[in-house]
PDB file of N, CA and C in Angstrom:
ATOM      1  N   MET A   1     -17.867 -49.719 -53.128  1.00  0.00           N
ATOM      2  CA  MET A   1     -17.920 -49.187 -54.594  1.00  0.00           C
ATOM      3  C   MET A   1     -17.256 -47.912 -54.630  1.00  0.00           C
ATOM      4  N   GLU A   2     -16.496 -47.602 -56.023  1.00  0.00           N
ATOM      5  CA  GLU A   2     -16.040 -46.177 -56.234  1.00  0.00           C
ATOM      6  C   GLU A   2     -16.597 -45.440 -56.980  1.00  0.00           C
ATOM      7  N   GLU A   3     -16.544 -44.086 -57.069  1.00  0.00           N
ATOM      8  CA  GLU A   3     -17.083 -43.264 -58.062  1.00  0.00           C
ATOM      9  C   GLU A   3     -16.137 -43.154 -58.623  1.00  0.00           C
ATOM     10  N   VAL A   4     -16.494 -43.226 -60.174  1.00  0.00           N
ATOM     11  CA  VAL A   4     -15.565 -42.514 -60.982  1.00  0.00           C
ATOM     12  C   VAL A   4     -16.353 -41.478 -62.198  1.00  0.00           C
ATOM     13  N   ARG A   5     -15.546 -40.717 -63.137  1.00  0.00           N
ATOM     14  CA  ARG A   5     -16.306 -40.111 -63.799  1.00  0.00           C
ATOM     15  C   ARG A   5     -15.729 -40.033 -65.188  1.00  0.00           C
ATOM     16  N   ILE A   6     -16.880 -40.301 -66.053  1.00  0.00           N
ATOM     17  CA  ILE A   6     -16.878 -40.515 -67.599  1.00  0.00           C
ATOM     18  C   ILE A   6     -16.118 -39.136 -68.056  1.00  0.00           C
ATOM     19  N   SER A   7     -14.934 -39.331 -69.246  1.00  0.00           N
ATOM     20  CA  SER A   7     -14.566 -38.184 -69.645  1.00  0.00           C
ATOM     21  C   SER A   7     -15.512 -37.773 -71.022  1.00  0.00           C
ATOM     22  N   SER A   8     -15.050 -36.921 -71.653  1.00  0.00           N
ATOM     23  CA  SER A   8     -16.046 -36.333 -72.777  1.00  0.00           C
ATOM     24  C   SER A   8     -15.596 -37.392 -73.826  1.00  0.00           C
ATOM     25  N   LYS A   9     -14.656 -37.965 -73.996  1.00  0.00           N
ATOM     26  CA  LYS A   9     -14.333 -39.223 -74.696  1.00  0.00           C
ATOM     27  C   LYS A   9     -15.254 -40.367 -74.581  1.00  0.00           C
ATOM     28  N   GLY A  10     -15.893 -40.735 -73.423  1.00  0.00           N
ATOM     29  CA  GLY A  10     -16.645 -41.887 -73.094  1.00  0.00           C
ATOM     30  C   GLY A  10     -15.704 -42.648 -72.343  1.00  0.00           C
ATOM     31  N   GLN A  11     -14.376 -42.048 -71.890  1.00  0.00           N
ATOM     32  CA  GLN A  11     -13.389 -42.904 -70.717  1.00  0.00           C
ATOM     33  C   GLN A  11     -13.592 -42.721 -69.554  1.00  0.00           C
ATOM     34  N   LEU A  12     -13.525 -44.150 -68.705  1.00  0.00           N
ATOM     35  CA  LEU A  12     -13.241 -43.899 -67.334  1.00  0.00           C
ATOM     36  C   LEU A  12     -12.116 -44.585 -67.018  1.00  0.00           C
ATOM     37  N   VAL A  13     -11.797 -44.004 -65.946  1.00  0.00           N
ATOM     38  CA  VAL A  13     -10.489 -45.297 -65.105  1.00  0.00           C
ATOM     39  C   VAL A  13     -10.800 -46.140 -64.340  1.00  0.00           C
ATOM     40  N   ILE A  14     -10.650 -47.039 -64.306  1.00  0.00           N
ATOM     41  CA  ILE A  14     -10.654 -48.446 -63.290  1.00  0.00           C
ATOM     42  C   ILE A  14      -9.474 -48.119 -62.100  1.00  0.00           C
ATOM     43  N   PRO A  15     -10.174 -48.037 -61.059  1.00  0.00           N
ATOM     44  CA  PRO A  15      -9.329 -47.596 -59.890  1.00  0.00           C
ATOM     45  C   PRO A  15      -8.402 -48.639 -59.559  1.00  0.00           C
ATOM     46  N   LYS A  16      -7.001 -48.228 -59.225  1.00  0.00           N
ATOM     47  CA  LYS A  16      -6.071 -49.162 -59.254  1.00  0.00           C
ATOM     48  C   LYS A  16      -5.929 -50.565 -58.294  1.00  0.00           C
ATOM     49  N   TYR A  17      -6.838 -50.324 -57.352  1.00  0.00           N
ATOM     50  CA  TYR A  17      -7.312 -51.558 -56.542  1.00  0.00           C
ATOM     51  C   TYR A  17      -7.868 -52.813 -57.374  1.00  0.00           C
ATOM     52  N   ILE A  18      -8.681 -52.362 -58.406  1.00  0.00           N
ATOM     53  CA  ILE A  18      -9.362 -52.993 -58.917  1.00  0.00           C
ATOM     54  C   ILE A  18      -8.367 -53.848 -60.128  1.00  0.00           C
ATOM     55  N   ARG A  19      -7.608 -52.746 -60.551  1.00  0.00           N
ATOM     56  CA  ARG A  19      -6.882 -53.216 -61.635  1.00  0.00           C
ATOM     57  C   ARG A  19      -5.674 -54.129 -61.309  1.00  0.00           C
ATOM     58  N   ASP A  20      -5.403 -53.974 -59.772  1.00  0.00           N
ATOM     59  CA  ASP A  20      -4.358 -54.749 -59.383  1.00  0.00           C
ATOM     60  C   ASP A  20      -5.038 -56.183 -59.026  1.00  0.00           C
ATOM     61  N   ALA A  21      -6.333 -56.346 -58.626  1.00  0.00           N
ATOM     62  CA  ALA A  21      -6.852 -57.441 -57.950  1.00  0.00           C
ATOM     63  C   ALA A  21      -7.277 -58.382 -59.272  1.00  0.00           C
ATOM     64  N   LEU A  22      -7.328 -57.841 -60.417  1.00  0.00           N
ATOM     65  CA  LEU A  22      -7.776 -58.587 -61.675  1.00  0.00           C
ATOM     66  C   LEU A  22      -6.556 -58.677 -62.828  1.00  0.00           C
ATOM     67  N   ALA A  23      -5.482 -57.955 -62.041  1.00  0.00           N
ATOM     68  CA  ALA A  23      -3.943 -58.157 -62.837  1.00  0.00           C
ATOM     69  C   ALA A  23      -4.386 -57.587 -64.346  1.00  0.00           C
ATOM     70  N   LEU A  24      -5.116 -56.643 -64.478  1.00  0.00           N
ATOM     71  CA  LEU A  24      -4.989 -55.444 -65.632  1.00  0.00           C
ATOM     72  C   LEU A  24      -4.009 -54.481 -65.514  1.00  0.00           C
ATOM     73  N   SER A  25      -3.633 -54.637 -66.880  1.00  0.00           N
ATOM     74  CA  SER A  25      -2.280 -53.576 -67.089  1.00  0.00           C
ATOM     75  C   SER A  25      -2.563 -53.027 -68.585  1.00  0.00           C
ATOM     76  N   SER A  26      -1.568 -51.993 -68.627  1.00  0.00           N
ATOM     77  CA  SER A  26      -1.541 -51.447 -70.412  1.00  0.00           C
ATOM     78  C   SER A  26      -1.895 -52.206 -71.191  1.00  0.00           C
ATOM     79  N   GLY A  27      -2.776 -52.582 -72.181  1.00  0.00           N
ATOM     80  CA  GLY A  27      -2.645 -53.054 -73.364  1.00  0.00           C
ATOM     81  C   GLY A  27      -3.506 -54.515 -73.038  1.00  0.00           C
ATOM     82  N   LYS A  28      -4.071 -54.559 -71.924  1.00  0.00           N
ATOM     83  CA  LYS A  28      -5.021 -56.123 -71.537  1.00  0.00           C
ATOM     84  C   LYS A  28      -6.160 -55.820 -72.326  1.00  0.00           C
ATOM     85  N   VAL A  29      -6.792 -56.756 -72.495  1.00  0.00           N
ATOM     86  CA  VAL A  29      -8.353 -56.668 -73.097  1.00  0.00           C
ATOM     87  C   VAL A  29      -9.074 -57.015 -72.443  1.00  0.00           C
ATOM     88  N   VAL A  30     -10.163 -56.221 -72.225  1.00  0.00           N
ATOM     89  CA  VAL A  30     -11.455 -56.634 -71.015  1.00  0.00           C
ATOM     90  C   VAL A  30     -12.914 -56.851 -71.992  1.00  0.00           C
ATOM     91  N   LEU A  31     -13.557 -57.638 -71.697  1.00  0.00           N
ATOM     92  CA  LEU A  31     -14.921 -57.835 -72.196  1.00  0.00           C
ATOM     93  C   LEU A  31     -16.029 -56.878 -71.500  1.00  0.00           C
ATOM     94  N   ILE A  32     -16.673 -56.092 -72.497  1.00  0.00           N
ATOM     95  CA  ILE A  32     -17.646 -55.555 -71.581  1.00  0.00           C
ATOM     96  C   ILE A  32     -19.223 -55.612 -72.141  1.00  0.00           C
ATOM     97  N   GLY A  33     -20.254 -55.717 -71.500  1.00  0.00           N
ATOM     98  CA  GLY A  33     -21.342 -55.869 -71.763  1.00  0.00           C
ATOM     99  C   GLY A  33     -22.371 -55.313 -70.922  1.00  0.00           C
ATOM    100  N   LEU A  34     -23.805 -54.982 -70.984  1.00  0.00           N
ATOM    101  CA  LEU A  34     -25.023 -54.716 -70.248  1.00  0.00           C
ATOM    102  C   LEU A  34     -25.612 -55.853 -69.828  1.00  0.00           C
ATOM    103  N   GLN A  35     -25.968 -55.909 -68.536  1.00  0.00           N
ATOM    104  CA  GLN A  35     -26.859 -56.762 -68.279  1.00  0.00           C
ATOM    105  C   GLN A  35     -27.692 -56.381 -66.803  1.00  0.00           C
ATOM    106  N   GLU A  36     -28.668 -56.270 -67.111  1.00  0.00           N
ATOM    107  CA  GLU A  36     -29.967 -56.014 -66.237  1.00  0.00           C
ATOM    108  C   GLU A  36     -29.597 -54.327 -65.719  1.00  0.00           C
ATOM    109  N   ASN A  37     -29.523 -53.460 -66.602  1.00  0.00           N
ATOM    110  CA  ASN A  37     -29.042 -52.210 -66.427  1.00  0.00           C
ATOM    111  C   ASN A  37     -27.811 -52.099 -65.729  1.00  0.00           C
ATOM    112  N   LYS A  38     -26.680 -52.782 -65.801  1.00  0.00           N
ATOM    113  CA  LYS A  38     -25.507 -52.578 -65.315  1.00  0.00           C
ATOM    114  C   LYS A  38     -24.335 -52.793 -66.218  1.00  0.00           C
ATOM    115  N   ILE A  39     -23.718 -52.174 -66.168  1.00  0.00           N
ATOM    116  CA  ILE A  39     -22.249 -52.384 -66.825  1.00  0.00           C
ATOM    117  C   ILE A  39     -21.379 -53.597 -66.029  1.00  0.00           C
ATOM    118  N   ILE A  40     -21.465 -54.430 -67.032  1.00  0.00           N
ATOM    119  CA  ILE A  40     -20.364 -55.583 -66.998  1.00  0.00           C
ATOM    120  C   ILE A  40     -18.960 -55.431 -67.406  1.00  0.00           C
ATOM    121  N   ILE A  41     -17.887 -55.383 -66.870  1.00  0.00           N
ATOM    122  CA  ILE A  41     -16.725 -55.436 -67.340  1.00  0.00           C
ATOM    123  C   ILE A  41     -15.903 -56.654 -66.686  1.00  0.00           C
ATOM    124  N   LEU A  42     -15.084 -57.686 -67.474  1.00  0.00           N
ATOM    125  CA  LEU A  42     -14.626 -58.875 -67.358  1.00  0.00           C
ATOM    126  C   LEU A  42     -12.961 -58.809 -68.198  1.00  0.00           C
ATOM    127  N   PRO A  43     -12.409 -59.343 -67.169  1.00  0.00           N
ATOM    128  CA  PRO A  43     -10.888 -59.628 -68.062  1.00  0.00           C
ATOM    129  C   PRO A  43     -11.023 -60.369 -69.092  1.00  0.00           C
ATOM    130  N   LYS A  44     -10.419 -60.341 -70.365  1.00  0.00           N
ATOM    131  CA  LYS A  44     -10.523 -61.740 -71.399  1.00  0.00           C
ATOM    132  C   LYS A  44      -9.604 -62.800 -70.914  1.00  0.00           C
ATOM    133  N   PRO A  45     -10.308 -63.806 -70.899  1.00  0.00           N
ATOM    134  CA  PRO A  45      -9.469 -64.930 -70.457  1.00  0.00           C
ATOM    135  C   PRO A  45      -8.313 -65.284 -71.379  1.00  0.00           C
ATOM    136  N   GLU A  46      -6.971 -65.549 -71.118  1.00  0.00           N
ATOM    137  CA  GLU A  46      -5.907 -65.941 -71.959  1.00  0.00           C
ATOM    138  C   GLU A  46      -6.526 -67.199 -72.667  1.00  0.00           C
ATOM    139  N   ASP A  47      -7.149 -67.923 -71.976  1.00  0.00           N
ATOM    140  CA  ASP A  47      -7.597 -69.139 -73.062  1.00  0.00           C
ATOM    141  C   ASP A  47      -8.943 -69.575 -72.685  1.00  0.00           C
ATOM    142  N   PRO A  48      -9.906 -68.901 -73.634  1.00  0.00           N
ATOM    143  CA  PRO A  48     -11.084 -68.942 -73.500  1.00  0.00           C
ATOM    144  C   PRO A  48     -12.135 -70.479 -73.031  1.00  0.00           C
ATOM    145  N   VAL A  49     -11.213 -71.202 -73.760  1.00  0.00           N
ATOM    146  CA  VAL A  49     -11.876 -72.858 -73.853  1.00  0.00           C
ATOM    147  C   VAL A  49     -12.153 -73.228 -72.261  1.00  0.00           C
ATOM    148  N   LYS A  50     -10.370 -72.988 -71.685  1.00  0.00           N
ATOM    149  CA  LYS A  50      -9.987 -73.452 -70.299  1.00  0.00           C
ATOM    150  C   LYS A  50     -10.852 -72.784 -69.448  1.00  0.00           C
ATOM    151  N   ALA A  51     -11.117 -71.613 -69.717  1.00  0.00           N
ATOM    152  CA  ALA A  51     -12.228 -70.334 -68.664  1.00  0.00           C
ATOM    153  C   ALA A  51     -13.519 -71.032 -68.738  1.00  0.00           C
ATOM    154  N   LEU A  52     -13.837 -71.511 -69.890  1.00  0.00           N
ATOM    155  CA  LEU A  52     -15.457 -72.357 -69.876  1.00  0.00           C
ATOM    156  C   LEU A  52     -15.503 -73.359 -69.593  1.00  0.00           C
ATOM    157  N   GLU A  53     -14.591 -73.954 -69.557  1.00  0.00           N
ATOM    158  CA  GLU A  53     -14.364 -75.544 -68.745  1.00  0.00           C
ATOM    159  C   GLU A  53     -14.642 -75.144 -67.258  1.00  0.00           C
ATOM    160  N   GLN A  54     -13.714 -74.351 -67.042  1.00  0.00           N
ATOM    161  CA  GLN A  54     -13.867 -74.018 -65.388  1.00  0.00           C
ATOM    162  C   GLN A  54     -15.060 -73.387 -65.085  1.00  0.00           C
ATOM    163  N   ALA A  55     -15.581 -72.648 -65.470  1.00  0.00           N
ATOM    164  CA  ALA A  55     -17.091 -72.025 -65.268  1.00  0.00           C
ATOM    165  C   ALA A  55     -18.118 -72.983 -65.039  1.00  0.00           C
ATOM    166  N   GLY A  56     -18.137 -74.045 -66.225  1.00  0.00           N
ATOM    167  CA  GLY A  56     -18.700 -75.010 -66.054  1.00  0.00           C
ATOM    168  C   GLY A  56     -18.853 -76.220 -64.769  1.00  0.00           C
ATOM    169  N   LYS A  57     -17.593 -76.414 -64.615  1.00  0.00           N
ATOM    170  CA  LYS A  57     -17.203 -77.161 -63.707  1.00  0.00           C
ATOM    171  C   LYS A  57     -17.859 -76.728 -62.205  1.00  0.00           C
ATOM    172  N   LYS A  58     -17.772 -75.180 -62.092  1.00  0.00           N
ATOM    173  CA  LYS A  58     -18.510 -74.261 -60.827  1.00  0.00           C
ATOM    174  C   LYS A  58     -19.734 -74.346 -60.723  1.00  0.00           C
ATOM    175  N   ILE A  59     -20.346 -74.526 -61.880  1.00  0.00           N
ATOM    176  CA  ILE A  59     -22.029 -74.464 -62.077  1.00  0.00           C
ATOM    177  C   ILE A  59     -22.069 -75.905 -61.532  1.00  0.00           C
ATOM    178  N   ALA A  60     -21.840 -77.063 -62.261  1.00  0.00           N
ATOM    179  CA  ALA A  60     -22.010 -78.416 -61.802  1.00  0.00           C
ATOM    180  C   ALA A  60     -21.781 -78.780 -60.577  1.00  0.00           C
ATOM    181  N   LEU A  61     -20.545 -78.079 -60.093  1.00  0.00           N
ATOM    182  CA  LEU A  61     -20.456 -78.219 -58.358  1.00  0.00           C
ATOM    183  C   LEU A  61     -21.336 -77.512 -57.484  1.00  0.00           C
ATOM    184  N   LYS A  62     -21.980 -76.239 -57.836  1.00  0.00           N
ATOM    185  CA  LYS A  62     -22.958 -75.735 -57.417  1.00  0.00           C
ATOM    186  C   LYS A  62     -24.265 -76.339 -57.177  1.00  0.00           C
ATOM    187  N   ALA A  63     -24.800 -77.125 -58.848  1.00  0.00           N
ATOM    188  CA  ALA A  63     -25.827 -77.756 -58.766  1.00  0.00           C
ATOM    189  C   ALA A  63     -25.937 -79.198 -57.851  1.00  0.00           C
ATOM    190  N   ALA A  64     -24.506 -79.539 -57.707  1.00  0.00           N
ATOM    191  CA  ALA A  64     -24.505 -80.740 -56.774  1.00  0.00           C
ATOM    192  C   ALA A  64     -24.678 -80.542 -55.304  1.00  0.00           C
ATOM    193  N   ARG A  65     -24.295 -79.354 -55.053  1.00  0.00           N
ATOM    194  CA  ARG A  65     -24.419 -79.351 -53.440  1.00  0.00           C
ATOM    195  C   ARG A  65     -25.518 -78.632 -52.962  1.00  0.00           C
ATOM    196  N   LYS A  66     -26.369 -77.977 -53.965  1.00  0.00           N
ATOM    197  CA  LYS A  66     -27.504 -77.885 -53.838  1.00  0.00           C
ATOM    198  C   LYS A  66     -28.740 -79.363 -53.810  1.00  0.00           C
ATOM    199  N   GLU A  67     -28.409 -80.320 -54.520  1.00  0.00           N
ATOM    200  CA  GLU A  67     -28.750 -81.521 -54.515  1.00  0.00           C
ATOM    201  C   GLU A  67     -28.725 -82.272 -53.146  1.00  0.00           C
ATOM    202  N   LEU A  68     -27.701 -82.147 -52.974  1.00  0.00           N
ATOM    203  CA  LEU A  68     -27.160 -82.751 -51.810  1.00  0.00           C
ATOM    204  C   LEU A  68     -28.188 -82.308 -50.479  1.00  0.00           C
ATOM    205  N   LYS A  69     -28.302 -80.778 -50.532  1.00  0.00           N
ATOM    206  CA  LYS A  69     -28.797 -80.351 -49.288  1.00  0.00           C
ATOM    207  C   LYS A  69     -30.297 -80.298 -49.552  1.00  0.00           C
ATOM    208  N   GLY A  70     -30.843 -80.940 -50.685  1.00  0.00           N
ATOM    209  CA  GLY A  70     -32.090 -81.187 -50.796  1.00  0.00           C
ATOM    210  C   GLY A  70     -32.997 -79.865 -51.282  1.00  0.00           C
ATOM    211  N   GLU A  71     -32.599 -79.139 -51.891  1.00  0.00           N
ATOM    212  CA  GLU A  71     -33.113 -77.685 -52.340  1.00  0.00           C
ATOM    213  C   GLU A  71     -33.901 -77.781 -53.779  1.00  0.00           C
TER     214      GLU A  71
END
């Protein structure tokens, strides 16, 4: 985890290694929300429908693995 300071305008700097890892550059749009007292920042998908399909597949795969393990 990295410590960053919020400016008087409510802005903060996302560290470079995180921007690089998520391919965030100037002008890119991110989604921000609050979840269980935490700030969540996600890159906005280029194709939201495709991203939702992929998320659904991951959830289904995880459920199938649990079922195979008998959990």
